[in-house]
């Protein structure tokens, strides 16, 4: 399998899952600005021009990170990284995946494009503060739900943790102070220590 990614983007979550499952994989970086990759026009691979995209062993291209990580987990599913079919654990994990996608990821995205969309400095700041306020509410919810859990689902690392960790790494790039959530900071440190996370980040050039 081959993963098309952009360093530090949401594709990092997929990369972490592949490493966590000890899969054999290739990676190819995508320039999201001009939609190119080493093999040429990335839009010929994924017409949406977004990452991640996974070239499966049968040659087909699968897109959408939340779906790709479920697919990967089901290739080697012992019920740990994603609950088995029909279990409550599976649907609770997918509940988290949907929450992260719709409430965390979605509200981070505008913070990376505000300066390009608006020329007025005050407007830029107002828009950024608006989305940071929303994210603060979302992180309050996650912090309360996690309480003293090691991971989102309790004691087991799941595909949802790979996604949450990835989104939370963006806070430093958009000037969002995470200091008020001590348990989330501890959580980030815990996830960061996983060999799969270190491997994926090094392969993307995010760590030396």
Protein backbone atom coordinates (compact mmCIF):
# COMPACT_ATOMS: atom_id res chain seq x y z
CA UNK A 1 0.00 0.00 0.00
CA UNK A 2 1.05 3.58 -0.57
CA UNK A 3 0.00 6.58 1.49
CA UNK A 4 -0.10 10.01 -0.12
CA UNK A 5 0.44 12.59 2.61
CA UNK A 6 1.49 16.12 3.44
CA UNK A 7 3.80 16.53 6.47
CA UNK A 8 1.83 17.24 9.62
CA UNK A 9 -1.54 17.38 7.85
CA UNK A 10 -4.51 15.19 8.79
CA UNK A 11 -2.84 12.40 6.80
CA UNK A 12 -0.49 11.99 9.76
CA UNK A 13 -3.29 10.16 11.59
CA UNK A 14 -3.45 7.57 8.82
CA UNK A 15 0.33 7.28 8.83
CA UNK A 16 0.32 6.64 12.59
CA UNK A 17 -2.31 3.91 12.24
CA UNK A 18 -0.27 2.16 9.54
CA UNK A 19 2.79 2.25 11.79
CA UNK A 20 0.78 1.14 14.82
CA UNK A 21 -0.39 -1.93 12.91
CA UNK A 22 3.16 -2.71 11.72
CA UNK A 23 2.02 -2.65 8.12
CA UNK A 24 4.28 -2.70 5.10
CA UNK A 25 3.71 0.59 3.29
CA UNK A 26 5.22 3.26 1.08
CA UNK A 27 4.68 6.98 1.46
CA UNK A 28 4.73 9.79 -1.07
CA UNK A 29 4.61 13.47 -0.14
CA UNK A 30 2.11 15.80 -1.79
CA UNK A 31 2.57 19.53 -2.32
CA UNK A 32 -0.88 20.82 -1.45
CA UNK A 33 -0.15 24.25 -2.93
CA UNK A 34 0.30 23.09 -6.50
CA UNK A 35 -1.26 19.60 -6.14
CA UNK A 36 1.87 17.77 -7.24
CA UNK A 37 3.75 14.74 -5.92
CA UNK A 38 6.91 12.92 -6.94
CA UNK A 39 5.06 11.04 -9.66
CA UNK A 40 3.54 14.21 -11.16
CA UNK A 41 0.01 15.62 -11.08
CA UNK A 42 -1.53 14.53 -7.82
CA UNK A 43 -5.05 15.28 -9.06
CA UNK A 44 -4.68 12.38 -11.46
CA UNK A 45 -4.38 10.19 -8.36
CA UNK A 46 -6.95 11.98 -6.22
CA UNK A 47 -9.06 14.44 -8.19
CA UNK A 48 -9.97 16.26 -4.97
CA UNK A 49 -6.31 17.17 -4.46
CA UNK A 50 -6.54 16.51 -0.73
CA UNK A 51 -4.73 14.15 1.61
CA UNK A 52 -4.70 11.45 2.71
CA UNK A 53 -5.19 9.09 -0.19
CA UNK A 54 -4.35 5.42 0.01
CA UNK A 55 -3.39 3.29 -2.95
CA UNK A 56 -4.60 -0.12 -1.88
CA UNK A 57 -2.96 -3.40 -2.84
CA UNK A 58 -5.54 -3.86 -5.59
CA UNK A 59 -4.52 -0.53 -7.13
CA UNK A 60 -7.66 1.36 -6.16
CA UNK A 61 -7.44 4.75 -4.46
CA UNK A 62 -9.29 5.22 -1.18
CA UNK A 63 -9.80 8.74 0.21
CA UNK A 64 -11.11 10.40 3.39
CA UNK A 65 -8.94 9.84 6.44
CA UNK A 66 -11.67 8.58 8.75
CA UNK A 67 -12.60 5.89 6.24
CA UNK A 68 -9.01 4.97 5.43
CA UNK A 69 -8.14 4.41 9.08
CA UNK A 70 -11.19 2.18 9.55
CA UNK A 71 -10.17 0.19 6.48
CA UNK A 72 -6.63 -0.20 7.77
CA UNK A 73 -7.77 -1.25 11.24
CA UNK A 74 -10.04 -3.89 9.74
CA UNK A 75 -7.13 -5.44 7.85
CA UNK A 76 -5.51 -6.45 11.14
CA UNK A 77 -8.31 -6.06 13.61
CA UNK A 78 -7.83 -7.74 16.96
CA UNK A 79 -10.40 -5.43 18.51
CA UNK A 80 -7.84 -3.13 20.11
CA UNK A 81 -7.29 -0.21 17.74
CA UNK A 82 -10.92 -0.42 16.60
CA UNK A 83 -13.58 -2.58 18.17
CA UNK A 84 -14.79 -5.58 16.22
CA UNK A 85 -17.95 -5.48 14.15
CA UNK A 86 -21.12 -5.22 16.22
CA UNK A 87 -19.41 -4.19 19.46
CA UNK A 88 -20.24 -1.08 21.42
CA UNK A 89 -16.51 -0.27 21.52
CA UNK A 90 -16.41 -0.02 17.74
CA UNK A 91 -19.26 2.48 17.55
CA UNK A 92 -17.97 4.52 20.47
CA UNK A 93 -14.63 4.82 18.66
CA UNK A 94 -16.40 5.83 15.45
CA UNK A 95 -18.43 8.31 17.50
CA UNK A 96 -15.16 9.93 18.51
CA UNK A 97 -13.93 9.86 14.91
CA UNK A 98 -17.00 11.72 13.75
CA UNK A 99 -16.72 14.24 16.59
CA UNK A 100 -13.08 14.96 15.81
CA UNK A 101 -13.83 15.38 12.12
CA UNK A 102 -16.85 17.64 12.53
CA UNK A 103 -16.01 19.57 15.69
CA UNK A 104 -12.20 19.68 15.99
CA UNK A 105 -10.72 19.28 12.50
CA UNK A 106 -13.38 21.43 10.83
CA UNK A 107 -12.85 24.34 13.22
CA UNK A 108 -9.07 24.25 12.95
CA UNK A 109 -9.12 24.47 9.15
CA UNK A 110 -10.21 28.15 8.86
CA UNK A 111 -7.35 29.22 11.12
CA UNK A 112 -4.88 28.18 8.42
CA UNK A 113 -6.60 30.11 5.64
CA UNK A 114 -7.88 33.29 7.30
CA UNK A 115 -4.92 35.45 6.25
CA UNK A 116 -5.43 34.44 2.63
CA UNK A 117 -9.18 34.99 2.61
CA UNK A 118 -9.24 38.38 4.34
CA UNK A 119 -6.99 41.38 3.74
CA UNK A 120 -8.20 43.46 6.67
CA UNK A 121 -6.07 42.76 9.76
CA UNK A 122 -8.92 43.31 12.22
CA UNK A 123 -11.15 40.95 10.27
CA UNK A 124 -8.42 38.34 10.33
CA UNK A 125 -8.14 38.59 14.10
CA UNK A 126 -11.90 38.53 14.61
CA UNK A 127 -12.27 35.39 12.52
CA UNK A 128 -9.37 33.67 14.27
CA UNK A 129 -10.74 34.53 17.71
CA UNK A 130 -14.16 33.23 16.70
CA UNK A 131 -12.82 29.79 15.75
CA UNK A 132 -10.47 29.67 18.74
CA UNK A 133 -13.47 30.27 21.00
CA UNK A 134 -15.29 27.38 19.36
CA UNK A 135 -12.24 25.14 19.73
CA UNK A 136 -11.94 26.10 23.38
CA UNK A 137 -15.48 24.80 23.95
CA UNK A 138 -14.68 21.60 22.08
CA UNK A 139 -11.50 20.99 24.05
CA UNK A 140 -13.40 21.61 27.29
CA UNK A 141 -15.76 18.83 26.24
CA UNK A 142 -12.93 16.44 25.31
CA UNK A 143 -11.10 17.21 28.54
CA UNK A 144 -14.19 16.49 30.64
CA UNK A 145 -15.01 13.30 28.72
CA UNK A 146 -11.47 11.99 29.06
CA UNK A 147 -11.20 12.84 32.75
CA UNK A 148 -8.34 10.58 33.91
CA UNK A 149 -8.49 8.12 31.00
CA UNK A 150 -5.22 7.22 29.34
CA UNK A 151 -6.81 7.50 25.90
CA UNK A 152 -10.13 8.57 24.41
CA UNK A 153 -11.58 5.07 24.79
CA UNK A 154 -10.06 4.36 28.18
CA UNK A 155 -6.88 2.32 28.43
CA UNK A 156 -6.53 1.35 24.77
CA UNK A 157 -5.03 3.46 21.98
CA UNK A 158 -7.40 3.57 19.00
CA UNK A 159 -7.68 5.16 15.57
CA UNK A 160 -9.48 8.05 17.28
CA UNK A 161 -6.36 8.86 19.30
CA UNK A 162 -4.26 9.00 16.14
CA UNK A 163 -6.72 11.53 14.72
CA UNK A 164 -7.12 13.59 17.91
CA UNK A 165 -3.36 13.75 18.44
CA UNK A 166 -2.83 14.94 14.88
CA UNK A 167 -5.40 17.73 15.18
CA UNK A 168 -4.08 18.85 18.55
CA UNK A 169 -0.56 19.27 17.13
CA UNK A 170 -1.93 22.14 15.04
CA UNK A 171 -2.62 24.32 18.07
CA UNK A 172 0.93 25.64 18.22
CA UNK A 173 0.82 26.69 14.57
CA UNK A 174 -2.29 28.82 14.99
CA UNK A 175 -1.31 30.42 18.28
CA UNK A 176 -3.79 28.56 20.45
CA UNK A 177 -2.75 28.22 24.08
CA UNK A 178 -3.37 24.68 25.34
CA UNK A 179 -2.08 25.38 28.85
CA UNK A 180 -5.50 25.32 30.51
CA UNK A 181 -6.04 21.62 29.77
CA UNK A 182 -3.50 19.77 31.87
CA UNK A 183 -4.99 16.34 31.21
CA UNK A 184 -4.96 16.94 27.45
CA UNK A 185 -1.31 17.99 27.59
CA UNK A 186 -0.50 14.84 29.53
CA UNK A 187 -2.47 12.89 26.95
CA UNK A 188 -0.46 14.46 24.11
CA UNK A 189 2.80 13.55 25.81
CA UNK A 190 1.58 9.99 26.33
CA UNK A 191 0.61 9.55 22.69
CA UNK A 192 3.83 11.18 21.56
CA UNK A 193 5.82 8.46 23.31
CA UNK A 194 4.30 5.67 21.21
CA UNK A 195 6.81 4.11 18.79
CA UNK A 196 4.26 4.31 15.98
CA UNK A 197 3.82 8.05 16.46
CA UNK A 198 7.56 8.68 16.59
CA UNK A 199 8.07 6.54 13.48
CA UNK A 200 5.39 8.32 11.46
CA UNK A 201 6.57 11.79 12.49
CA UNK A 202 10.18 10.98 11.64
CA UNK A 203 9.18 9.61 8.27
CA UNK A 204 7.37 12.87 7.55
CA UNK A 205 10.35 14.94 8.62
CA UNK A 206 8.55 16.35 11.64
CA UNK A 207 11.17 14.97 14.03
CA UNK A 208 14.88 14.41 13.65
